[in-house]
Protein backbone atom coordinates (compact mmCIF):
# COMPACT_ATOMS: atom_id res chain seq x y z
CA MET A 1 -9.07 -28.28 -14.42
CA LYS A 2 -7.35 -25.27 -12.95
CA SER A 3 -5.81 -22.61 -15.38
CA TYR A 4 -2.52 -21.66 -15.13
CA LYS A 5 -2.48 -18.38 -17.43
CA GLY A 6 -2.04 -15.83 -14.61
CA ILE A 7 0.96 -17.88 -13.52
CA LEU A 8 2.52 -18.68 -16.85
CA LEU A 9 2.32 -14.82 -17.37
CA LEU A 10 4.20 -14.19 -14.39
CA THR A 11 6.78 -16.83 -15.06
CA VAL A 12 7.14 -15.36 -18.79
CA SER A 13 8.05 -11.97 -17.59
CA ILE A 14 10.42 -13.08 -14.78
CA VAL A 15 11.95 -15.05 -17.40
CA LEU A 16 11.99 -12.33 -19.88
CA THR A 17 13.71 -10.00 -17.55
CA VAL A 18 16.15 -12.27 -16.45
CA TYR A 19 17.05 -13.15 -20.31
CA ILE A 20 17.19 -9.35 -21.23
CA TRP A 21 19.61 -8.59 -18.44
CA LEU A 22 21.85 -11.50 -19.13
CA ALA A 23 21.93 -10.95 -22.89
CA THR A 24 22.72 -7.57 -22.69
CA GLY A 25 26.06 -8.38 -20.51
CA MET A 26 24.48 -6.38 -17.57
CA THR A 27 24.52 -9.41 -14.82
CA ASN A 28 25.13 -7.30 -11.74
CA PHE A 29 21.55 -5.63 -12.88
CA VAL A 30 19.47 -9.03 -12.63
CA THR A 31 18.45 -8.87 -9.15
CA PRO A 32 17.40 -5.42 -9.20
CA GLY A 33 15.66 -6.09 -12.41
CA LEU A 34 13.80 -8.83 -10.85
CA ALA A 35 12.92 -6.78 -7.54
CA LEU A 36 11.64 -4.23 -9.81
CA THR A 37 9.79 -6.46 -12.22
CA THR A 38 8.16 -8.47 -8.93
CA LEU A 39 7.27 -5.06 -7.01
CA SER A 40 5.70 -4.01 -10.29
CA TRP A 41 3.66 -7.04 -10.57
CA THR A 42 2.54 -6.86 -6.90
CA PHE A 43 0.94 -2.97 -7.45
CA MET A 44 -1.21 -4.57 -10.52
CA LEU A 45 -2.30 -7.23 -8.92
CA ALA A 46 -3.49 -4.94 -6.01
CA THR A 47 -5.67 -3.17 -8.25
CA ARG A 48 -8.16 -5.66 -8.43
CA SER A 49 -8.42 -5.73 -12.15
CA ARG A 50 -11.60 -7.98 -13.34
CA LEU A 51 -9.09 -9.32 -16.35
CA LEU A 52 -6.47 -10.43 -14.07
CA GLU A 53 -9.05 -11.85 -11.46
CA LYS A 54 -10.12 -14.03 -14.70
CA LEU A 55 -6.03 -15.31 -15.22
CA PHE A 56 -5.71 -16.18 -11.72
CA ASN A 57 -9.07 -17.82 -11.18
CA GLY A 58 -10.28 -15.83 -8.50
CA ILE A 59 -9.20 -13.15 -6.27
CA GLU A 60 -8.46 -15.11 -3.21
CA ARG A 61 -5.79 -16.81 -5.56
CA MET A 62 -4.62 -13.39 -7.04
CA TYR A 63 -4.07 -11.90 -3.63
CA ALA A 64 -2.11 -14.80 -2.47
CA ILE A 65 0.18 -14.34 -5.54
CA HIS A 66 0.06 -10.77 -4.62
CA LYS A 67 1.41 -11.52 -1.08
CA PHE A 68 3.96 -14.36 -2.36
CA LEU A 69 5.27 -11.51 -5.07
CA ALA A 70 5.54 -8.69 -2.28
CA ILE A 71 7.78 -10.77 -0.08
CA LEU A 72 9.78 -12.17 -3.00
CA SER A 73 10.27 -8.32 -3.81
CA VAL A 74 11.33 -7.39 -0.78
CA ILE A 75 13.71 -10.14 -0.37
CA LEU A 76 15.31 -8.97 -3.65
CA LEU A 77 15.76 -5.84 -2.73
CA VAL A 78 17.55 -6.74 0.21
CA PHE A 79 19.77 -8.68 -1.89
CA HIS A 80 20.13 -5.86 -4.06
CA ASN A 81 21.49 -3.40 -1.20
CA ILE A 82 23.70 -6.31 0.13
CA GLY A 83 25.46 -6.74 -3.37
CA MET A 84 25.68 -3.01 -3.61
CA GLY A 85 27.56 -2.92 -0.05
CA SER A 86 25.08 -0.34 1.20
CA LEU A 87 23.96 -2.53 4.09
């Protein structure tokens, strides 16, 4: 049976980011906050940490999630720029 500890960790951090920005009433910072969170996770997954490798069941799956998060963070950064009116 596959373990989803790594995916659960990512999901909790993303949900927590959204909750904190919405709870403070700063709804216009949700997208940049998500972009920063996903970009930070992208950098952490690129370190090839043995602990993270165990959470994601191998380096191949960890790099697949790294690729997905990198694409997602670039998309969120573009939406952030569009929302701020600078693109």
